[in-house]
Structure formats: C-alpha cells, structure tokens
Amino acid sequence: MPRWRKVFAYLRGWLTSLRAFSHPAWICQVGRITVVRERGTITVGERVWLWPEVKLDASAAAPTGKAELVIGNRVSIGDRTQIHCGERITIGDGAMISWDCVIMDRDYHNPDGGVERTAPVVIGKDVWIGCRAIVLKGVTIGDGAVVGAGSVVTRDVPPCTLVAGNPARVVRQLGER
C-alpha cells in the first residue's frame, strides 16, 4: 500500500472512531465500514485494521440490556466480516480475522417466542480465524488458537489448538507461542 494511501486510511479511521466508537483511536480503515449501535458500545484498541465492508453491530438483545463489543490492539478484521453483538464480544490483542467471517453472541430469534438468547464470545490473544469461518454464541477461543477456513465453531477452543470443520473439531495441538 502506498504511503499516502495508508496515511489517508488512518485519518479516515480516526475520524470514524470519533463518531462511532467509545473513544478516539488510531485505526486503519481501508474502505467503507458499517457501524450499528443501539444501546451498545464499541471499544477499539490502537493499530486496528478494518478492511472494506466490515460490519460492527452492537445492538442490545434485551430491551433493558446493553451490548459491549471490545476489540483489542493490533487486530485485523478482513473484508465483509460481520460481528453481531447482543451482549458481549471480546477480541484479544493481535487477533487476525480473515474475510467473510461471522462472529455472533446471539440467535436473533427464539423458537419459543420468548426472549432472544445470548451468550458472551471471547476470542483470545493472537488467534487466527480463517476465511468464511463462523463463531457462534457462548464460545471461548483460547490464546494462540487457529480456526480453519470454513469452520463453524460451536464449542470452546483450547489455547494453541488448530480446529477445523463443521462443527469445528480439534485437528492438532500447536506449539507454545
């Protein structure tokens, strides 16, 4: 990326952070993003990369609740990735999320017609999530884990583990980082 383009992307990201996030931050915003906040907050760390058409949605699921999306430092979120937060989603420092991923802590419905179900999602430090992966509600992905492309993560992932498939299963343990 040429230097002038990178400077423009950081300026664009900083201006977005002024109006959309809980505090100003130096983020690199490459292209347009969508930010939705209805009774929710979005906190973004420093040196975060947001690629084109990323959607960050912090809309509380419960009428009296509050949604909280927390993104750490040095995180990269790829093209067309969507993060839907109804309660709480935390993304740790150094996480890399590829393109077309979906991360959600909610169902957007309840088959019984009652209150929508939510459960917090925690993505640890230095986690890699491959393209078109889906992370569902109530999942904790441990530090240094890798989620294979196209995986559907429905259960907790231990630290330093490679998971893949639908549903995602442990493929092998990775070395300590």
N, C-alpha and C. Protein backbone atom coordinates (compact mmCIF):
# COMPACT_ATOMS: atom_id res chain seq x y z
N MET A 1 0.85 -1.17 0.00
CA MET A 1 0.00 0.00 0.00
C MET A 1 0.89 1.23 0.00
N PRO A 2 0.69 2.17 -0.93
CA PRO A 2 1.49 3.39 -0.95
C PRO A 2 1.32 4.18 0.35
N ARG A 3 2.35 4.91 0.70
CA ARG A 3 2.36 5.65 1.96
C ARG A 3 1.19 6.64 2.06
N TRP A 4 0.89 7.38 1.00
CA TRP A 4 -0.20 8.35 1.04
C TRP A 4 -1.53 7.67 1.29
N ARG A 5 -1.70 6.48 0.74
CA ARG A 5 -2.96 5.75 0.92
C ARG A 5 -3.10 5.26 2.37
N LYS A 6 -1.99 4.85 2.94
CA LYS A 6 -2.00 4.39 4.33
C LYS A 6 -2.31 5.55 5.26
N VAL A 7 -1.72 6.71 5.01
CA VAL A 7 -1.99 7.90 5.83
C VAL A 7 -3.48 8.26 5.73
N PHE A 8 -4.02 8.23 4.52
CA PHE A 8 -5.45 8.52 4.32
C PHE A 8 -6.32 7.50 5.07
N ALA A 9 -5.94 6.22 5.05
CA ALA A 9 -6.72 5.18 5.73
C ALA A 9 -6.71 5.39 7.25
N TYR A 10 -5.57 5.79 7.81
CA TYR A 10 -5.50 6.06 9.25
C TYR A 10 -6.32 7.31 9.60
N LEU A 11 -6.27 8.33 8.78
CA LEU A 11 -7.05 9.54 9.03
C LEU A 11 -8.55 9.22 8.97
N ARG A 12 -8.95 8.45 7.97
CA ARG A 12 -10.34 8.04 7.84
C ARG A 12 -10.79 7.24 9.06
N GLY A 13 -9.94 6.32 9.51
CA GLY A 13 -10.26 5.51 10.69
C GLY A 13 -10.37 6.34 11.95
N TRP A 14 -9.48 7.32 12.11
CA TRP A 14 -9.54 8.18 13.28
C TRP A 14 -10.83 8.99 13.29
N LEU A 15 -11.23 9.51 12.13
CA LEU A 15 -12.47 10.27 12.04
C LEU A 15 -13.68 9.37 12.34
N THR A 16 -13.66 8.15 11.86
CA THR A 16 -14.74 7.20 12.17
C THR A 16 -14.79 6.93 13.66
N SER A 17 -13.61 6.78 14.30
CA SER A 17 -13.58 6.49 15.74
C SER A 17 -14.17 7.63 16.56
N LEU A 18 -14.08 8.85 16.07
CA LEU A 18 -14.64 9.99 16.80
C LEU A 18 -16.16 9.89 16.93
N ARG A 19 -16.81 9.41 15.88
CA ARG A 19 -18.27 9.38 15.89
C ARG A 19 -18.86 8.01 16.24
N ALA A 20 -18.11 6.93 16.05
CA ALA A 20 -18.71 5.61 16.15
C ALA A 20 -18.27 4.79 17.36
N PHE A 21 -17.09 5.08 17.92
CA PHE A 21 -16.57 4.25 18.99
C PHE A 21 -16.56 5.01 20.32
N SER A 22 -16.31 4.29 21.41
CA SER A 22 -16.38 4.90 22.73
C SER A 22 -15.26 5.92 22.98
N HIS A 23 -14.16 5.82 22.26
CA HIS A 23 -13.08 6.81 22.38
C HIS A 23 -12.30 6.85 21.08
N PRO A 24 -11.64 7.98 20.79
CA PRO A 24 -10.85 8.07 19.55
C PRO A 24 -9.69 7.08 19.55
N ALA A 25 -9.39 6.52 18.39
CA ALA A 25 -8.29 5.57 18.28
C ALA A 25 -7.68 5.67 16.90
N TRP A 26 -6.38 5.37 16.80
CA TRP A 26 -5.72 5.34 15.51
C TRP A 26 -5.93 3.97 14.90
N ILE A 27 -6.96 3.86 14.07
CA ILE A 27 -7.24 2.62 13.36
C ILE A 27 -7.04 2.87 11.87
N CYS A 28 -6.74 1.82 11.15
CA CYS A 28 -6.55 1.93 9.71
C CYS A 28 -7.81 1.38 9.04
N GLN A 29 -8.60 2.28 8.48
CA GLN A 29 -9.86 1.89 7.85
C GLN A 29 -9.68 1.93 6.34
N VAL A 30 -9.61 0.75 5.73
CA VAL A 30 -9.42 0.65 4.28
C VAL A 30 -10.80 0.42 3.66
N GLY A 31 -11.42 1.45 3.15
CA GLY A 31 -12.75 1.33 2.56
C GLY A 31 -13.85 1.64 3.57
N ARG A 32 -15.08 1.52 3.11
CA ARG A 32 -16.23 1.85 3.95
C ARG A 32 -16.55 0.71 4.91
N ILE A 33 -17.00 1.07 6.10
CA ILE A 33 -17.45 0.09 7.08
C ILE A 33 -18.84 0.51 7.56
N THR A 34 -19.56 -0.44 8.17
CA THR A 34 -20.86 -0.16 8.74
C THR A 34 -20.78 -0.34 10.24
N VAL A 35 -21.24 0.65 10.98
CA VAL A 35 -21.26 0.58 12.43
C VAL A 35 -22.69 0.80 12.89
N VAL A 36 -23.22 -0.16 13.68
CA VAL A 36 -24.57 -0.06 14.23
C VAL A 36 -24.45 -0.12 15.74
N ARG A 37 -25.03 0.88 16.42
CA ARG A 37 -25.02 0.90 17.89
C ARG A 37 -26.41 1.27 18.38
N GLU A 38 -27.11 0.31 18.95
CA GLU A 38 -28.40 0.57 19.58
C GLU A 38 -28.30 0.03 20.99
N ARG A 39 -28.16 0.94 21.96
CA ARG A 39 -27.95 0.58 23.35
C ARG A 39 -26.70 -0.29 23.49
N GLY A 40 -25.65 0.09 22.80
CA GLY A 40 -24.39 -0.64 22.86
C GLY A 40 -23.19 0.26 22.70
N THR A 41 -22.02 -0.26 23.10
CA THR A 41 -20.78 0.48 22.94
C THR A 41 -19.78 -0.37 22.18
N ILE A 42 -18.92 0.29 21.44
CA ILE A 42 -17.85 -0.37 20.72
C ILE A 42 -16.55 0.29 21.15
N THR A 43 -15.64 -0.51 21.71
CA THR A 43 -14.34 -0.02 22.14
C THR A 43 -13.28 -0.66 21.25
N VAL A 44 -12.44 0.17 20.64
CA VAL A 44 -11.43 -0.33 19.70
C VAL A 44 -10.06 0.12 20.18
N GLY A 45 -9.09 -0.81 20.16
CA GLY A 45 -7.72 -0.51 20.56
C GLY A 45 -6.96 0.23 19.47
N GLU A 46 -5.66 0.33 19.67
CA GLU A 46 -4.80 1.04 18.72
C GLU A 46 -4.30 0.10 17.62
N ARG A 47 -3.99 0.69 16.49
CA ARG A 47 -3.44 -0.01 15.31
C ARG A 47 -4.31 -1.18 14.88
N VAL A 48 -5.61 -0.95 14.83
CA VAL A 48 -6.56 -1.94 14.34
C VAL A 48 -6.78 -1.69 12.86
N TRP A 49 -6.82 -2.77 12.06
CA TRP A 49 -7.08 -2.66 10.63
C TRP A 49 -8.49 -3.15 10.35
N LEU A 50 -9.29 -2.28 9.72
CA LEU A 50 -10.64 -2.64 9.31
C LEU A 50 -10.69 -2.56 7.78
N TRP A 51 -10.92 -3.69 7.15
CA TRP A 51 -10.91 -3.76 5.70
C TRP A 51 -12.29 -3.44 5.15
N PRO A 52 -12.46 -3.30 3.82
CA PRO A 52 -13.73 -2.84 3.24
C PRO A 52 -14.93 -3.71 3.64
N GLU A 53 -16.05 -3.02 3.84
CA GLU A 53 -17.36 -3.61 4.08
C GLU A 53 -17.46 -4.42 5.37
N VAL A 54 -16.61 -4.13 6.35
CA VAL A 54 -16.74 -4.74 7.68
C VAL A 54 -17.98 -4.16 8.34
N LYS A 55 -18.72 -5.03 9.07
CA LYS A 55 -19.89 -4.57 9.81
C LYS A 55 -19.70 -4.86 11.29
N LEU A 56 -19.76 -3.82 12.12
CA LEU A 56 -19.67 -3.95 13.57
C LEU A 56 -21.03 -3.55 14.12
N ASP A 57 -21.74 -4.50 14.73
CA ASP A 57 -23.10 -4.27 15.21
C ASP A 57 -23.17 -4.54 16.71
N ALA A 58 -23.38 -3.51 17.50
CA ALA A 58 -23.54 -3.64 18.95
C ALA A 58 -24.95 -3.17 19.31
N SER A 59 -25.91 -4.06 19.11
CA SER A 59 -27.32 -3.75 19.39
C SER A 59 -27.80 -4.69 20.48
N ALA A 60 -28.15 -4.14 21.63
CA ALA A 60 -28.55 -4.96 22.78
C ALA A 60 -29.73 -5.85 22.43
N ALA A 61 -29.64 -7.12 22.86
CA ALA A 61 -30.70 -8.08 22.59
C ALA A 61 -31.89 -7.85 23.51
N ALA A 62 -31.63 -7.64 24.79
CA ALA A 62 -32.71 -7.41 25.76
C ALA A 62 -33.12 -5.94 25.73
N PRO A 63 -34.41 -5.66 25.86
CA PRO A 63 -34.89 -4.27 25.83
C PRO A 63 -34.23 -3.37 26.88
N THR A 64 -33.85 -3.94 28.01
CA THR A 64 -33.22 -3.14 29.05
C THR A 64 -31.72 -3.39 29.15
N GLY A 65 -31.19 -4.21 28.27
CA GLY A 65 -29.78 -4.59 28.32
C GLY A 65 -28.88 -3.62 27.60
N LYS A 66 -27.59 -3.98 27.56
CA LYS A 66 -26.58 -3.18 26.89
C LYS A 66 -25.60 -4.13 26.21
N ALA A 67 -25.23 -3.83 24.98
CA ALA A 67 -24.27 -4.63 24.24
C ALA A 67 -22.89 -3.98 24.34
N GLU A 68 -21.85 -4.82 24.42
CA GLU A 68 -20.49 -4.29 24.53
C GLU A 68 -19.56 -5.10 23.63
N LEU A 69 -19.02 -4.43 22.62
CA LEU A 69 -18.06 -5.03 21.70
C LEU A 69 -16.70 -4.41 22.00
N VAL A 70 -15.72 -5.26 22.36
CA VAL A 70 -14.39 -4.79 22.72
C VAL A 70 -13.38 -5.43 21.77
N ILE A 71 -12.63 -4.60 21.05
CA ILE A 71 -11.62 -5.06 20.10
C ILE A 71 -10.27 -4.58 20.61
N GLY A 72 -9.32 -5.49 20.78
CA GLY A 72 -8.01 -5.17 21.33
C GLY A 72 -7.09 -4.44 20.36
N ASN A 73 -5.82 -4.35 20.73
CA ASN A 73 -4.79 -3.69 19.92
C ASN A 73 -4.27 -4.63 18.83
N ARG A 74 -3.84 -4.03 17.72
CA ARG A 74 -3.21 -4.77 16.61
C ARG A 74 -4.08 -5.89 16.07
N VAL A 75 -5.37 -5.65 15.96
CA VAL A 75 -6.32 -6.63 15.43
C VAL A 75 -6.59 -6.29 13.97
N SER A 76 -6.71 -7.32 13.13
CA SER A 76 -7.05 -7.12 11.72
C SER A 76 -8.36 -7.86 11.44
N ILE A 77 -9.34 -7.13 10.89
CA ILE A 77 -10.64 -7.71 10.57
C ILE A 77 -10.84 -7.57 9.06
N GLY A 78 -10.94 -8.72 8.37
CA GLY A 78 -10.95 -8.76 6.91
C GLY A 78 -12.25 -8.34 6.25
N ASP A 79 -12.18 -8.20 4.93
CA ASP A 79 -13.29 -7.75 4.09
C ASP A 79 -14.58 -8.51 4.39
N ARG A 80 -15.67 -7.77 4.43
CA ARG A 80 -17.04 -8.30 4.55
C ARG A 80 -17.29 -9.14 5.80
N THR A 81 -16.41 -9.05 6.79
CA THR A 81 -16.63 -9.76 8.06
C THR A 81 -17.70 -9.02 8.85
N GLN A 82 -18.57 -9.78 9.52
CA GLN A 82 -19.64 -9.20 10.32
C GLN A 82 -19.53 -9.67 11.76
N ILE A 83 -19.62 -8.73 12.68
CA ILE A 83 -19.60 -9.03 14.11
C ILE A 83 -20.90 -8.51 14.70
N HIS A 84 -21.74 -9.42 15.20
CA HIS A 84 -23.05 -9.08 15.75
C HIS A 84 -23.04 -9.32 17.26
N CYS A 85 -23.12 -8.24 18.02
CA CYS A 85 -23.02 -8.29 19.47
C CYS A 85 -24.35 -7.89 20.11
N GLY A 86 -24.95 -8.82 20.86
CA GLY A 86 -26.18 -8.54 21.58
C GLY A 86 -25.96 -8.42 23.07
N GLU A 87 -24.81 -8.94 23.55
CA GLU A 87 -24.47 -8.89 24.97
C GLU A 87 -23.02 -8.45 25.14
N ARG A 88 -22.06 -9.35 24.81
CA ARG A 88 -20.64 -9.01 24.93
C ARG A 88 -19.78 -9.90 24.03
N ILE A 89 -18.94 -9.24 23.23
CA ILE A 89 -17.93 -9.93 22.43
C ILE A 89 -16.60 -9.24 22.71
N THR A 90 -15.57 -10.05 23.02
CA THR A 90 -14.24 -9.53 23.28
C THR A 90 -13.26 -10.18 22.31
N ILE A 91 -12.48 -9.36 21.63
CA ILE A 91 -11.45 -9.85 20.70
C ILE A 91 -10.11 -9.39 21.25
N GLY A 92 -9.21 -10.35 21.55
CA GLY A 92 -7.93 -10.06 22.17
C GLY A 92 -6.91 -9.43 21.24
N ASP A 93 -5.84 -8.92 21.84
CA ASP A 93 -4.76 -8.28 21.10
C ASP A 93 -4.14 -9.24 20.08
N GLY A 94 -3.81 -8.71 18.91
CA GLY A 94 -3.10 -9.47 17.90
C GLY A 94 -3.93 -10.48 17.14
N ALA A 95 -5.25 -10.48 17.31
CA ALA A 95 -6.11 -11.43 16.58
C ALA A 95 -6.18 -11.04 15.11
N MET A 96 -6.22 -12.04 14.25
CA MET A 96 -6.36 -11.81 12.81
C MET A 96 -7.58 -12.57 12.32
N ILE A 97 -8.56 -11.83 11.84
CA ILE A 97 -9.81 -12.41 11.37
C ILE A 97 -9.87 -12.19 9.86
N SER A 98 -10.00 -13.26 9.12
CA SER A 98 -9.96 -13.20 7.67
C SER A 98 -11.27 -12.64 7.10
N TRP A 99 -11.43 -12.73 5.77
CA TRP A 99 -12.60 -12.16 5.12
C TRP A 99 -13.82 -13.08 5.22
N ASP A 100 -15.00 -12.50 5.09
CA ASP A 100 -16.30 -13.19 5.07
C ASP A 100 -16.59 -14.00 6.33
N CYS A 101 -16.04 -13.62 7.47
CA CYS A 101 -16.31 -14.33 8.73
C CYS A 101 -17.54 -13.73 9.41
N VAL A 102 -18.19 -14.54 10.25
CA VAL A 102 -19.32 -14.07 11.05
C VAL A 102 -19.05 -14.47 12.50
N ILE A 103 -19.14 -13.48 13.39
CA ILE A 103 -18.98 -13.73 14.83
C ILE A 103 -20.22 -13.17 15.49
N MET A 104 -20.93 -14.02 16.26
CA MET A 104 -22.16 -13.54 16.88
C MET A 104 -22.39 -14.19 18.24
N ASP A 105 -22.91 -13.38 19.17
CA ASP A 105 -23.21 -13.87 20.51
C ASP A 105 -24.72 -13.99 20.73
N ARG A 106 -25.46 -14.07 19.65
CA ARG A 106 -26.93 -14.06 19.72
C ARG A 106 -27.52 -14.94 18.64
N ASP A 107 -28.83 -15.25 18.80
CA ASP A 107 -29.54 -16.06 17.80
C ASP A 107 -30.40 -15.22 16.87
N TYR A 108 -30.79 -14.03 17.29
CA TYR A 108 -31.72 -13.16 16.59
C TYR A 108 -33.15 -13.69 16.60
N HIS A 109 -33.40 -14.77 17.33
CA HIS A 109 -34.75 -15.31 17.44
C HIS A 109 -34.82 -16.26 18.63
N ASN A 110 -36.01 -16.64 18.99
CA ASN A 110 -36.23 -17.69 19.98
C ASN A 110 -37.39 -18.53 19.47
N PRO A 111 -37.17 -19.82 19.24
CA PRO A 111 -38.24 -20.65 18.68
C PRO A 111 -39.48 -20.71 19.59
N ASP A 112 -39.32 -20.46 20.88
CA ASP A 112 -40.45 -20.49 21.81
C ASP A 112 -41.19 -19.16 21.84
N GLY A 113 -40.71 -18.16 21.13
CA GLY A 113 -41.34 -16.86 21.12
C GLY A 113 -40.98 -15.98 22.31
N GLY A 114 -40.05 -16.44 23.15
CA GLY A 114 -39.64 -15.66 24.32
C GLY A 114 -38.52 -14.71 24.01
N VAL A 115 -37.74 -14.43 25.04
CA VAL A 115 -36.61 -13.51 24.92
C VAL A 115 -35.49 -14.17 24.12
N GLU A 116 -34.86 -13.38 23.28
CA GLU A 116 -33.73 -13.88 22.48
C GLU A 116 -32.60 -14.34 23.39
N ARG A 117 -31.96 -15.44 23.04
CA ARG A 117 -30.86 -15.98 23.84
C ARG A 117 -29.53 -15.40 23.37
N THR A 118 -28.69 -15.02 24.34
CA THR A 118 -27.35 -14.54 24.04
C THR A 118 -26.38 -15.22 24.99
N ALA A 119 -25.12 -15.27 24.62
CA ALA A 119 -24.05 -15.78 25.47
C ALA A 119 -22.75 -15.13 24.99
N PRO A 120 -21.91 -14.63 25.92
CA PRO A 120 -20.70 -13.90 25.53
C PRO A 120 -19.74 -14.75 24.69
N VAL A 121 -19.03 -14.07 23.80
CA VAL A 121 -17.98 -14.68 22.98
C VAL A 121 -16.66 -14.04 23.37
N VAL A 122 -15.64 -14.87 23.58
CA VAL A 122 -14.31 -14.38 23.90
C VAL A 122 -13.32 -14.97 22.91
N ILE A 123 -12.62 -14.12 22.19
CA ILE A 123 -11.56 -14.55 21.27
C ILE A 123 -10.26 -14.08 21.89
N GLY A 124 -9.38 -15.02 22.18
CA GLY A 124 -8.14 -14.72 22.90
C GLY A 124 -7.11 -13.95 22.09
N LYS A 125 -5.95 -13.79 22.70
CA LYS A 125 -4.84 -13.07 22.07
C LYS A 125 -4.22 -13.93 20.98
N ASP A 126 -3.76 -13.28 19.91
CA ASP A 126 -3.02 -13.92 18.82
C ASP A 126 -3.78 -15.08 18.18
N VAL A 127 -5.09 -14.98 18.09
CA VAL A 127 -5.92 -16.00 17.45
C VAL A 127 -6.01 -15.70 15.96
N TRP A 128 -5.97 -16.74 15.14
CA TRP A 128 -6.16 -16.60 13.70
C TRP A 128 -7.47 -17.27 13.35
N ILE A 129 -8.33 -16.58 12.61
CA ILE A 129 -9.60 -17.15 12.15
C ILE A 129 -9.61 -17.10 10.63
N GLY A 130 -9.71 -18.27 9.99
CA GLY A 130 -9.66 -18.37 8.53
C GLY A 130 -10.92 -17.87 7.86
N CYS A 131 -10.84 -17.67 6.54
CA CYS A 131 -11.95 -17.10 5.77
C CYS A 131 -13.21 -17.94 5.88
N ARG A 132 -14.32 -17.25 5.89
CA ARG A 132 -15.66 -17.82 5.93
C ARG A 132 -15.94 -18.70 7.15
N ALA A 133 -15.21 -18.46 8.22
CA ALA A 133 -15.48 -19.17 9.47
C ALA A 133 -16.64 -18.48 10.19
N ILE A 134 -17.36 -19.26 11.00
CA ILE A 134 -18.47 -18.74 11.79
C ILE A 134 -18.22 -19.10 13.25
N VAL A 135 -18.30 -18.10 14.12
CA VAL A 135 -18.13 -18.32 15.56
C VAL A 135 -19.48 -17.99 16.21
N LEU A 136 -20.07 -18.98 16.88
CA LEU A 136 -21.41 -18.81 17.44
C LEU A 136 -21.37 -18.46 18.92
N LYS A 137 -22.52 -18.15 19.47
CA LYS A 137 -22.65 -17.64 20.84
C LYS A 137 -22.10 -18.60 21.88
N GLY A 138 -21.56 -18.01 22.95
CA GLY A 138 -21.08 -18.78 24.08
C GLY A 138 -19.72 -19.42 23.91
N VAL A 139 -19.00 -19.10 22.85
CA VAL A 139 -17.72 -19.74 22.55
C VAL A 139 -16.56 -18.92 23.11
N THR A 140 -15.57 -19.61 23.65
CA THR A 140 -14.30 -19.00 24.04
C THR A 140 -13.20 -19.65 23.22
N ILE A 141 -12.44 -18.85 22.49
CA ILE A 141 -11.30 -19.35 21.71
C ILE A 141 -10.05 -18.94 22.45
N GLY A 142 -9.27 -19.92 22.88
CA GLY A 142 -8.08 -19.67 23.69
C GLY A 142 -6.97 -18.96 22.94
N ASP A 143 -6.04 -18.38 23.70
CA ASP A 143 -4.90 -17.66 23.13
C ASP A 143 -4.11 -18.54 22.18
N GLY A 144 -3.71 -17.97 21.04
CA GLY A 144 -2.86 -18.67 20.09
C GLY A 144 -3.54 -19.76 19.28
N ALA A 145 -4.86 -19.86 19.33
CA ALA A 145 -5.58 -20.89 18.57
C ALA A 145 -5.74 -20.47 17.12
N VAL A 146 -5.96 -21.46 16.25
CA VAL A 146 -6.18 -21.21 14.83
C VAL A 146 -7.47 -21.92 14.43
N VAL A 147 -8.38 -21.17 13.78
CA VAL A 147 -9.64 -21.71 13.29
C VAL A 147 -9.53 -21.81 11.78
N GLY A 148 -9.68 -23.03 11.24
CA GLY A 148 -9.54 -23.25 9.81
C GLY A 148 -10.63 -22.59 8.98
N ALA A 149 -10.34 -22.35 7.72
CA ALA A 149 -11.28 -21.72 6.81
C ALA A 149 -12.56 -22.54 6.71
N GLY A 150 -13.70 -21.86 6.71
CA GLY A 150 -14.99 -22.51 6.55
C GLY A 150 -15.49 -23.25 7.77
N SER A 151 -14.84 -23.12 8.89
CA SER A 151 -15.22 -23.83 10.11
C SER A 151 -16.41 -23.15 10.78
N VAL A 152 -17.21 -23.96 11.50
CA VAL A 152 -18.30 -23.45 12.31
C VAL A 152 -17.97 -23.80 13.75
N VAL A 153 -17.63 -22.79 14.55
CA VAL A 153 -17.18 -23.02 15.92
C VAL A 153 -18.40 -22.92 16.85
N THR A 154 -18.76 -24.06 17.45
CA THR A 154 -19.92 -24.13 18.33
C THR A 154 -19.53 -24.42 19.78
N ARG A 155 -18.26 -24.79 20.01
CA ARG A 155 -17.78 -25.12 21.35
C ARG A 155 -16.47 -24.41 21.61
N ASP A 156 -16.08 -24.37 22.87
CA ASP A 156 -14.82 -23.72 23.25
C ASP A 156 -13.63 -24.37 22.56
N VAL A 157 -12.63 -23.54 22.24
CA VAL A 157 -11.40 -24.00 21.61
C VAL A 157 -10.26 -23.77 22.61
N PRO A 158 -9.52 -24.85 22.96
CA PRO A 158 -8.41 -24.68 23.90
C PRO A 158 -7.30 -23.81 23.32
N PRO A 159 -6.46 -23.22 24.17
CA PRO A 159 -5.34 -22.41 23.68
C PRO A 159 -4.39 -23.25 22.81
N CYS A 160 -3.74 -22.59 21.86
CA CYS A 160 -2.72 -23.22 20.99
C CYS A 160 -3.23 -24.51 20.35
N THR A 161 -4.42 -24.43 19.76
CA THR A 161 -5.04 -25.59 19.12
C THR A 161 -5.51 -25.19 17.73
N LEU A 162 -5.38 -26.11 16.77
CA LEU A 162 -5.93 -25.92 15.43
C LEU A 162 -7.25 -26.66 15.36
N VAL A 163 -8.33 -25.95 14.99
CA VAL A 163 -9.63 -26.59 14.81
C VAL A 163 -10.10 -26.34 13.38
N ALA A 164 -10.91 -27.28 12.86
CA ALA A 164 -11.44 -27.13 11.52
C ALA A 164 -12.69 -27.99 11.38
N GLY A 165 -13.51 -27.66 10.40
CA GLY A 165 -14.68 -28.46 10.07
C GLY A 165 -15.99 -27.84 10.52
N ASN A 166 -17.08 -28.57 10.22
CA ASN A 166 -18.42 -28.16 10.59
C ASN A 166 -19.14 -29.33 11.24
N PRO A 167 -19.27 -29.34 12.56
CA PRO A 167 -18.77 -28.37 13.52
C PRO A 167 -17.25 -28.50 13.69
N ALA A 168 -16.62 -27.44 14.16
CA ALA A 168 -15.17 -27.43 14.31
C ALA A 168 -14.72 -28.45 15.34
N ARG A 169 -13.70 -29.22 14.98
CA ARG A 169 -13.12 -30.22 15.87
C ARG A 169 -11.61 -30.01 15.92
N VAL A 170 -11.01 -30.47 17.00
CA VAL A 170 -9.57 -30.31 17.19
C VAL A 170 -8.85 -31.16 16.14
N VAL A 171 -7.94 -30.53 15.39
CA VAL A 171 -7.12 -31.23 14.41
C VAL A 171 -5.79 -31.61 15.04
N ARG A 172 -5.17 -30.64 15.73
CA ARG A 172 -3.93 -30.93 16.43
C ARG A 172 -3.57 -29.79 17.37
N GLN A 173 -2.69 -30.09 18.29
CA GLN A 173 -2.15 -29.08 19.21
C GLN A 173 -1.02 -28.35 18.50
N LEU A 174 -0.91 -27.06 18.74
CA LEU A 174 0.17 -26.25 18.18
C LEU A 174 1.21 -26.02 19.25
N GLY A 175 2.42 -25.70 18.85
CA GLY A 175 3.46 -25.39 19.80
C GLY A 175 3.16 -24.12 20.57
N GLU A 176 3.77 -23.97 21.74
CA GLU A 176 3.58 -22.77 22.53
C GLU A 176 4.13 -21.56 21.78
N ARG A 177 3.48 -20.39 21.96
CA ARG A 177 3.94 -19.16 21.29
C ARG A 177 4.70 -18.32 22.26
